[in-house]
Amino acid sequence: MNSTYNNYFFNEFYAENGGGNYTDRSKWIPFFSHVADEIIKKFAPKTVLDAGCAMGYLVEALRGRNVEAYGIDVSEYAISNVCEDIKGYCAVSSITEKLPENFPQKYDLVVTIEVLEHLFPEDGAIAIKNLCSYSDTIIFTSTPDDIDDKTHYNVQRSEYWCREFARHSYFRDLVQPMDFICNWAMLFKKQSIIENVIFDYEINMRIERARNEKALQNNKEIEALNIDKQELSRKIEVLDAEKKELLTKTSLCSSQKDKLIEKIELLKDELNAVNTSYQVINNAYHSVVNSRFWRFTKPIRKFNYYLKRVIMAFPVTRYLAKIFLSVKRNGLKNTLKKIKAKLFKKTDKLTKRELDLQRKTKFDKNIKFSIVVPLYNTP
C-alpha cells in the first residue's frame, strides 16, 4: 500500500495544509457524527461503504447508529489507528482495486470524501468505475481549488467529475444538497432512462431560475434597504450633531441660569438694603412730620411758598430774585461781571476790512482744516 499517507501526513502535513491534526478525535468525531446523522436522515441506509475512510471516524459514527458501515483506505497507518471496536470493518485497500473478499460487494450508499484528487486521472477513472459498481447512490466530494497540497494530482471542478460519473450513467442530483459535508459535495445516482435525467435537470433549471429571480429581488430590496440605512445614518448624524449642540446650549443655559440666580440673590440683597433704607428714611420722615417743630413752622412754610409765587409773578421781582441767588452762589463780584457782560454785549460780526484782510492772508504751510458737522441728534 501507499507509504505517503503515514504518521507525518495525518499529523504535521495535514495540520500545515489547514486540515488540523487528523488524529485529534475531539475535533473530528463531532463532525463525522453530524455527517452520519444527516446520512441517516436523508437516506436511511442499511449498508454504507466509506471509500477512503482514513481512521474510520464515519464508519464508527454510523456503526454507533446501527448502520452496517465498512471502510477502506490505502494508508496502513490510518487503518492501524482505527478504533478497536470497528477494526474488523475497516481494511487496507485501494479504491482502484477490488474490495476485500470479506466485505459486502453491494451497498445502499457509497461515500468518498476528498479522495480522488489524490489519484492521477487514469487511476481516478478506474476508482469511479469501481465506486459505481458498489452502489446506485454515491456521495462524492473532491476539492475544486486546493492545488497547493503536494499530494493533490487531479484537482478539478464539479463539471469534470459529473462527466466522469456520467460515463457510467451516474448523474448528479441537483435537488438534494450535500452541504452538510462541504459546499462542493455532490450526490450521484444511477439513471438508466435519459428522459428522466433531462426531466430532472429541467426541473432543477426552473428551480434555479426561480431562486435567481428571488435572489435578484432580494438584492434589490437589500440595495433599497442599504439606501434607507445610509439615509437613516445621515439623519442620525444630523440628530447627533443637533443633540450635541443642544447639550452645549443646555450647558450654557445652565451656566447662565446659575449666574442669573446669583444676580437675583444680589438684587434681593440690594432690595432688602433699599427697603431697610426706605424704612429708616420713612420713619425719619414721619418722625419729622409728626414733630412739634414741624407743626409750629407750618405757617412760615406757607408764607414762604406764597412769597415765592408773588416774586416769580412779576418780572422785576423775578430779576431781583435771580440777582440775589447769583450773589448767594457766585459772589457779588462775579454777579456784577455777568450783569456788565449782558449790558455791554459786543457783537462778533467782522467788518468788511477785517474780512478782506483774512482772505488775503497767506500761510507758510498748506494747512488743511476738517469740519465736522453733526447730523444726528443735534442740540
Protein backbone atom coordinates (compact mmCIF):
# COMPACT_ATOMS: atom_id res chain seq x y z
CA MET A 1 0.00 0.00 0.00
CA ASN A 2 0.99 3.69 -0.41
CA SER A 3 3.50 4.85 2.21
CA THR A 4 2.82 8.55 1.52
CA TYR A 5 -0.11 8.61 3.91
CA ASN A 6 1.82 7.87 7.07
CA ASN A 7 2.19 9.36 10.54
CA TYR A 8 3.62 12.60 9.11
CA PHE A 9 0.77 13.04 6.61
CA PHE A 10 -2.03 12.69 9.15
CA ASN A 11 -0.31 14.86 11.74
CA GLU A 12 2.20 17.57 10.68
CA PHE A 13 1.42 17.66 6.93
CA TYR A 14 -2.36 17.65 7.41
CA ALA A 15 -2.08 20.44 10.00
CA GLU A 16 0.29 22.52 7.84
CA ASN A 17 -2.23 22.42 4.97
CA GLY A 18 -5.07 23.74 7.10
CA GLY A 19 -6.79 20.46 7.98
CA GLY A 20 -5.63 20.28 11.57
CA ASN A 21 -4.30 17.19 13.31
CA TYR A 22 -6.36 14.29 11.92
CA THR A 23 -5.61 12.13 14.96
CA ASP A 24 -7.46 14.64 17.17
CA ARG A 25 -10.69 12.73 17.86
CA SER A 26 -12.20 15.65 19.83
CA LYS A 27 -12.25 17.66 16.59
CA TRP A 28 -13.28 15.04 14.01
CA ILE A 29 -15.73 12.77 15.87
CA PRO A 30 -18.33 15.60 16.28
CA PHE A 31 -18.04 16.45 12.57
CA PHE A 32 -18.50 12.87 11.36
CA SER A 33 -21.27 12.29 13.90
CA HIS A 34 -23.16 15.16 12.29
CA VAL A 35 -22.49 13.70 8.83
CA ALA A 36 -23.77 10.30 9.99
CA ASP A 37 -26.96 11.86 11.37
CA GLU A 38 -27.62 13.65 8.06
CA ILE A 39 -26.96 10.47 6.04
CA ILE A 40 -29.45 8.51 8.13
CA LYS A 41 -31.98 11.35 7.95
CA LYS A 42 -31.79 11.69 4.16
CA PHE A 43 -31.13 8.10 3.00
CA ALA A 44 -31.87 5.72 5.92
CA PRO A 45 -29.29 3.22 4.52
CA LYS A 46 -28.76 -0.23 5.94
CA THR A 47 -25.27 -0.61 4.46
CA VAL A 48 -22.66 2.09 3.73
CA LEU A 49 -19.14 1.97 2.30
CA ASP A 50 -16.72 4.78 3.19
CA ALA A 51 -14.15 4.68 0.38
CA GLY A 52 -11.08 6.44 1.77
CA CYS A 53 -12.16 6.15 5.40
CA ALA A 54 -8.78 7.19 6.91
CA MET A 55 -9.11 6.39 10.64
CA GLY A 56 -12.69 5.21 10.30
CA TYR A 57 -14.44 8.11 12.04
CA LEU A 58 -17.52 7.96 9.77
CA VAL A 59 -17.67 4.14 9.97
CA GLU A 60 -17.51 4.44 13.76
CA ALA A 61 -20.30 7.06 13.83
CA LEU A 62 -22.59 5.06 11.52
CA ARG A 63 -21.97 1.77 13.37
CA GLY A 64 -22.83 3.60 16.60
CA ARG A 65 -26.20 4.36 14.97
CA ASN A 66 -26.92 0.76 13.94
CA VAL A 67 -25.84 1.14 10.30
CA GLU A 68 -23.68 -1.64 8.79
CA ALA A 69 -20.80 0.57 7.68
CA TYR A 70 -17.47 -0.52 6.19
CA GLY A 71 -14.37 1.40 5.27
CA ILE A 72 -11.30 1.03 3.09
CA ASP A 73 -8.18 3.19 2.91
CA VAL A 74 -4.80 2.94 1.19
CA SER A 75 -2.95 4.04 4.36
CA GLU A 76 -1.75 1.25 6.66
CA TYR A 77 -1.01 3.91 9.31
CA ALA A 78 -4.59 5.22 9.22
CA ILE A 79 -6.19 1.77 9.43
CA SER A 80 -3.86 0.88 12.31
CA ASN A 81 -5.32 3.79 14.26
CA VAL A 82 -8.95 2.80 13.74
CA CYS A 83 -10.97 2.37 16.94
CA GLU A 84 -10.71 -1.22 18.30
CA ASP A 85 -14.48 -1.73 18.13
CA ILE A 86 -14.58 -1.32 14.34
CA LYS A 87 -11.22 -2.67 13.21
CA GLY A 88 -12.94 -5.72 11.70
CA TYR A 89 -14.96 -3.38 9.43
CA CYS A 90 -12.06 -1.29 8.09
CA ALA A 91 -9.37 -2.62 5.79
CA VAL A 92 -6.25 -1.50 3.95
CA SER A 93 -7.32 -1.38 0.32
CA SER A 94 -7.22 0.95 -2.67
CA ILE A 95 -10.39 2.10 -4.43
CA THR A 96 -8.64 1.29 -7.71
CA GLU A 97 -8.72 -2.40 -6.69
CA LYS A 98 -11.44 -4.85 -5.79
CA LEU A 99 -12.96 -4.81 -2.31
CA PRO A 100 -11.70 -7.29 0.30
CA GLU A 101 -13.43 -10.64 -0.07
CA ASN A 102 -14.88 -10.49 3.45
CA PHE A 103 -16.64 -7.16 2.66
CA PRO A 104 -20.07 -6.90 1.06
CA GLN A 105 -19.81 -6.16 -2.65
CA LYS A 106 -23.00 -4.04 -2.83
CA TYR A 107 -24.16 -1.17 -0.61
CA ASP A 108 -27.14 1.13 -0.22
CA LEU A 109 -24.77 4.07 -0.22
CA VAL A 110 -21.11 4.77 -1.01
CA VAL A 111 -19.37 7.82 0.50
CA THR A 112 -15.98 9.08 -0.68
CA ILE A 113 -14.73 12.30 0.92
CA GLU A 114 -11.70 14.14 -0.50
CA VAL A 115 -10.04 11.08 -2.08
CA LEU A 116 -9.95 11.23 -5.88
CA GLU A 117 -7.84 14.40 -6.09
CA HIS A 118 -5.03 12.24 -4.63
CA LEU A 119 -5.11 9.99 -7.73
CA PHE A 120 -3.85 10.53 -11.25
CA PRO A 121 -6.66 10.95 -13.82
CA GLU A 122 -6.33 7.42 -15.20
CA ASP A 123 -6.46 5.94 -11.67
CA GLY A 124 -9.38 8.21 -10.86
CA ALA A 125 -11.32 6.83 -13.81
CA ILE A 126 -10.76 3.27 -12.51
CA ALA A 127 -11.83 4.36 -9.00
CA ILE A 128 -15.06 5.89 -10.31
CA LYS A 129 -15.84 2.72 -12.24
CA ASN A 130 -15.33 0.64 -9.08
CA LEU A 131 -17.44 3.01 -6.93
CA CYS A 132 -20.28 2.83 -9.43
CA SER A 133 -20.20 -0.96 -9.24
CA TYR A 134 -20.77 -0.89 -5.45
CA SER A 135 -23.93 1.20 -5.22
CA ASP A 136 -26.55 3.12 -7.18
CA THR A 137 -26.13 6.13 -4.82
CA ILE A 138 -22.80 7.86 -4.24
CA ILE A 139 -21.89 10.89 -2.12
CA PHE A 140 -18.77 12.40 -3.61
CA THR A 141 -16.52 15.31 -2.59
CA SER A 142 -13.22 16.50 -4.12
CA THR A 143 -11.71 19.94 -3.54
CA PRO A 144 -12.16 22.21 -6.58
CA ASP A 145 -9.29 24.60 -5.88
CA ASP A 146 -6.70 23.27 -3.39
CA ILE A 147 -3.76 22.96 -5.78
CA ASP A 148 -1.14 23.80 -3.15
CA ASP A 149 -1.32 20.39 -1.49
CA LYS A 150 1.58 18.35 -2.92
CA THR A 151 -0.44 15.12 -2.68
CA HIS A 152 -3.21 16.51 -4.94
CA TYR A 153 -2.65 15.26 -8.50
CA ASN A 154 -6.05 15.83 -10.04
CA VAL A 155 -7.85 18.91 -8.72
CA GLN A 156 -10.92 19.53 -10.88
CA ARG A 157 -14.16 21.49 -10.92
CA SER A 158 -17.55 19.82 -10.49
CA GLU A 159 -18.27 19.58 -14.24
CA TYR A 160 -15.24 17.31 -14.69
CA TRP A 161 -16.47 14.81 -12.11
CA CYS A 162 -20.03 15.00 -13.45
CA ARG A 163 -18.72 13.99 -16.87
CA GLU A 164 -16.68 11.09 -15.45
CA PHE A 165 -19.63 9.70 -13.49
CA ALA A 166 -21.95 10.22 -16.48
CA ARG A 167 -19.76 7.78 -18.45
CA HIS A 168 -21.26 5.11 -16.15
CA SER A 169 -24.84 6.53 -16.27
CA TYR A 170 -24.49 8.26 -12.91
CA PHE A 171 -25.88 11.78 -12.91
CA ARG A 172 -25.74 14.50 -10.30
CA ASP A 173 -28.85 15.02 -8.21
CA LEU A 174 -29.34 18.76 -8.34
CA VAL A 175 -32.24 18.85 -5.89
CA GLN A 176 -30.78 17.37 -2.72
CA PRO A 177 -27.90 19.47 -1.32
CA MET A 178 -24.99 17.67 0.32
CA ASP A 179 -23.63 20.79 2.03
CA PHE A 180 -23.72 19.12 5.45
CA ILE A 181 -20.30 17.74 4.43
CA CYS A 182 -18.94 20.73 2.46
CA ASN A 183 -20.10 23.25 -0.13
CA TRP A 184 -18.77 21.24 -3.09
CA ALA A 185 -20.16 17.87 -2.03
CA MET A 186 -22.30 16.17 -4.72
CA LEU A 187 -24.81 13.32 -4.87
CA PHE A 188 -24.69 10.96 -7.85
CA LYS A 189 -27.44 8.50 -8.69
CA LYS A 190 -27.63 5.81 -11.35
CA GLN A 191 -30.10 6.78 -14.08
CA SER A 192 -30.73 4.36 -16.94
CA ILE A 193 -33.52 6.38 -18.59
CA ILE A 194 -32.06 9.53 -20.13
CA GLU A 195 -35.50 11.12 -20.39
CA ASN A 196 -35.76 11.15 -16.59
CA VAL A 197 -32.32 12.74 -16.34
CA ILE A 198 -33.37 15.54 -18.72
CA PHE A 199 -36.62 15.94 -16.82
CA ASP A 200 -34.76 16.27 -13.50
CA TYR A 201 -32.31 18.77 -14.97
CA GLU A 202 -35.14 20.87 -16.41
CA ILE A 203 -36.87 20.88 -13.03
CA ASN A 204 -33.65 21.99 -11.41
CA MET A 205 -33.14 24.72 -14.02
CA ARG A 206 -36.63 26.02 -13.31
CA ILE A 207 -35.94 25.95 -9.59
CA GLU A 208 -32.59 27.69 -10.12
CA ARG A 209 -34.24 30.38 -12.26
CA ALA A 210 -36.81 30.96 -9.53
CA ARG A 211 -34.03 31.11 -6.95
CA ASN A 212 -32.05 33.54 -9.09
CA GLU A 213 -35.10 35.74 -9.59
CA LYS A 214 -35.74 35.63 -5.87
CA ALA A 215 -32.08 36.39 -5.17
CA LEU A 216 -32.21 39.29 -7.63
CA GLN A 217 -35.32 40.63 -5.95
CA ASN A 218 -33.67 40.20 -2.57
CA ASN A 219 -30.61 42.06 -3.83
CA LYS A 220 -32.80 44.94 -5.00
CA GLU A 221 -34.54 45.01 -1.64
CA ILE A 222 -31.17 44.90 0.10
CA GLU A 223 -29.93 47.79 -2.05
CA ALA A 224 -33.06 49.77 -1.19
CA LEU A 225 -32.58 48.94 2.48
CA ASN A 226 -28.94 50.00 2.24
CA ILE A 227 -30.02 53.33 0.75
CA ASP A 228 -32.56 53.72 3.56
CA LYS A 229 -29.85 52.73 6.01
CA GLN A 230 -27.49 55.36 4.63
CA GLU A 231 -30.25 57.98 4.77
CA LEU A 232 -31.09 56.98 8.32
CA SER A 233 -27.39 57.07 9.22
CA ARG A 234 -27.16 60.58 7.77
CA LYS A 235 -30.24 61.65 9.74
CA ILE A 236 -28.79 60.08 12.87
CA GLU A 237 -25.56 62.03 12.32
CA VAL A 238 -27.58 65.25 11.92
CA LEU A 239 -29.59 64.44 15.04
CA ASP A 240 -26.40 63.63 16.94
CA ALA A 241 -24.95 66.99 15.89
CA GLU A 242 -28.16 68.73 16.96
CA LYS A 243 -28.09 66.78 20.21
CA LYS A 244 -24.52 67.91 20.88
CA GLU A 245 -25.48 71.49 20.03
CA LEU A 246 -28.50 71.30 22.35
CA LEU A 247 -26.36 69.82 25.11
CA THR A 248 -23.88 72.68 24.64
CA LYS A 249 -26.71 75.23 24.72
CA THR A 250 -28.20 73.48 27.75
CA SER A 251 -24.84 73.67 29.48
CA LEU A 252 -24.58 77.37 28.61
CA CYS A 253 -28.16 77.97 29.74
CA SER A 254 -27.43 76.14 32.97
CA SER A 255 -24.36 78.31 33.48
CA GLN A 256 -26.34 81.46 32.65
CA LYS A 257 -29.12 80.27 34.92
CA ASP A 258 -26.65 79.93 37.80
CA LYS A 259 -25.33 83.43 37.08
CA LEU A 260 -28.86 84.84 36.91
CA ILE A 261 -29.70 83.15 40.21
CA GLU A 262 -26.60 84.78 41.73
CA LYS A 263 -27.65 88.18 40.29
CA ILE A 264 -31.19 87.70 41.60
CA GLU A 265 -29.80 86.92 45.03
CA LEU A 266 -27.62 90.05 44.87
CA LEU A 267 -30.59 92.12 43.71
CA LYS A 268 -32.64 90.68 46.54
CA ASP A 269 -29.94 91.71 48.97
CA GLU A 270 -29.83 95.19 47.40
CA LEU A 271 -33.63 95.38 47.52
CA ASN A 272 -33.58 94.38 51.16
CA ALA A 273 -30.95 97.07 51.79
CA VAL A 274 -33.08 99.64 49.89
CA ASN A 275 -36.18 98.57 51.81
CA THR A 276 -34.25 98.92 55.03
CA SER A 277 -33.01 102.39 53.98
CA TYR A 278 -36.52 103.34 52.89
CA GLN A 279 -37.89 102.19 56.20
CA VAL A 280 -35.29 104.24 58.04
CA ILE A 281 -35.98 107.32 55.88
CA ASN A 282 -39.74 106.81 56.12
CA ASN A 283 -39.51 106.53 59.88
CA ALA A 284 -37.36 109.68 59.98
CA TYR A 285 -39.83 111.47 57.68
CA HIS A 286 -42.80 110.55 59.87
CA SER A 287 -40.78 111.48 62.93
CA VAL A 288 -40.15 114.93 61.41
CA VAL A 289 -43.72 115.39 60.12
CA ASN A 290 -45.19 114.41 63.45
CA SER A 291 -42.77 116.54 65.47
CA ARG A 292 -43.88 119.75 67.26
CA PHE A 293 -41.30 121.84 65.39
CA TRP A 294 -42.79 120.81 62.04
CA ARG A 295 -46.29 121.71 63.22
CA PHE A 296 -45.16 125.07 64.66
CA THR A 297 -43.25 126.05 61.49
CA LYS A 298 -46.10 125.20 59.13
CA PRO A 299 -47.34 128.85 58.88
CA ILE A 300 -43.81 130.00 58.00
CA ARG A 301 -43.56 127.38 55.20
CA LYS A 302 -46.89 128.53 53.80
CA PHE A 303 -45.78 132.17 53.90
CA ASN A 304 -42.55 131.27 52.13
CA TYR A 305 -44.47 129.31 49.45
CA TYR A 306 -46.80 132.24 48.65
CA LEU A 307 -43.91 134.71 48.76
CA LYS A 308 -42.08 132.73 46.02
CA ARG A 309 -45.18 132.78 43.87
CA VAL A 310 -45.55 136.55 44.27
CA ILE A 311 -41.87 137.12 43.44
CA MET A 312 -41.99 134.95 40.31
CA ALA A 313 -45.21 136.61 39.16
CA PHE A 314 -43.53 139.99 38.32
CA PRO A 315 -40.51 140.48 36.01
CA VAL A 316 -38.76 142.99 38.29
CA THR A 317 -39.07 140.89 41.39
CA ARG A 318 -38.13 137.76 39.40
CA TYR A 319 -34.97 139.52 38.08
CA LEU A 320 -34.06 140.73 41.56
CA ALA A 321 -34.54 137.17 42.85
CA LYS A 322 -32.14 135.85 40.19
CA ILE A 323 -29.56 138.51 41.17
CA PHE A 324 -29.95 137.55 44.81
CA LEU A 325 -29.44 133.85 44.02
CA SER A 326 -26.41 134.60 41.82
CA VAL A 327 -24.82 136.68 44.62
CA LYS A 328 -25.55 133.83 47.03
CA ARG A 329 -23.99 131.17 44.72
CA ASN A 330 -21.25 133.04 42.85
CA GLY A 331 -20.50 136.08 44.97
CA LEU A 332 -21.10 139.78 44.35
CA LYS A 333 -18.06 140.32 42.13
CA ASN A 334 -18.90 137.54 39.66
CA THR A 335 -22.50 138.60 39.61
CA LEU A 336 -21.53 142.20 38.65
CA LYS A 337 -19.33 140.83 35.84
CA LYS A 338 -22.22 138.85 34.40
CA ILE A 339 -24.52 141.89 34.57
CA LYS A 340 -21.89 144.05 32.83
CA ALA A 341 -21.35 141.43 30.09
CA LYS A 342 -25.06 141.31 29.35
CA LEU A 343 -25.49 145.08 29.37
CA PHE A 344 -22.48 145.82 27.20
CA LYS A 345 -22.57 142.72 24.96
CA LYS A 346 -20.10 143.03 22.00
CA THR A 347 -21.13 141.77 18.60
CA ASP A 348 -18.95 139.03 16.97
CA LYS A 349 -19.62 140.23 13.39
CA LEU A 350 -16.45 141.13 11.41
CA THR A 351 -16.09 144.35 9.42
CA LYS A 352 -15.52 144.32 5.65
CA ARG A 353 -11.91 145.42 6.12
CA GLU A 354 -11.26 142.57 8.55
CA LEU A 355 -12.80 140.03 6.13
CA ASP A 356 -10.63 141.30 3.20
CA LEU A 357 -7.53 141.12 5.36
CA GLN A 358 -8.29 137.49 6.34
CA ARG A 359 -8.89 136.49 2.72
CA LYS A 360 -5.54 137.95 1.60
CA THR A 361 -3.60 136.25 4.37
CA LYS A 362 -1.14 133.58 3.16
CA PHE A 363 0.35 130.91 5.39
CA ASP A 364 3.84 129.41 5.18
CA LYS A 365 2.36 125.90 5.09
CA ASN A 366 -0.63 124.45 3.28
CA ILE A 367 -2.87 123.94 6.26
CA LYS A 368 -5.98 121.80 5.87
CA PHE A 369 -8.99 122.02 8.14
CA SER A 370 -11.53 119.31 8.92
CA ILE A 371 -15.01 120.46 9.68
CA VAL A 372 -17.26 118.01 11.46
CA VAL A 373 -20.96 118.68 11.09
CA PRO A 374 -23.30 116.74 13.40
CA LEU A 375 -26.26 115.30 11.50
CA TYR A 376 -27.95 113.21 14.19
CA ASN A 377 -29.45 114.24 17.48
CA THR A 378 -28.15 117.78 17.10
CA PRO A 379 -28.85 120.20 20.01
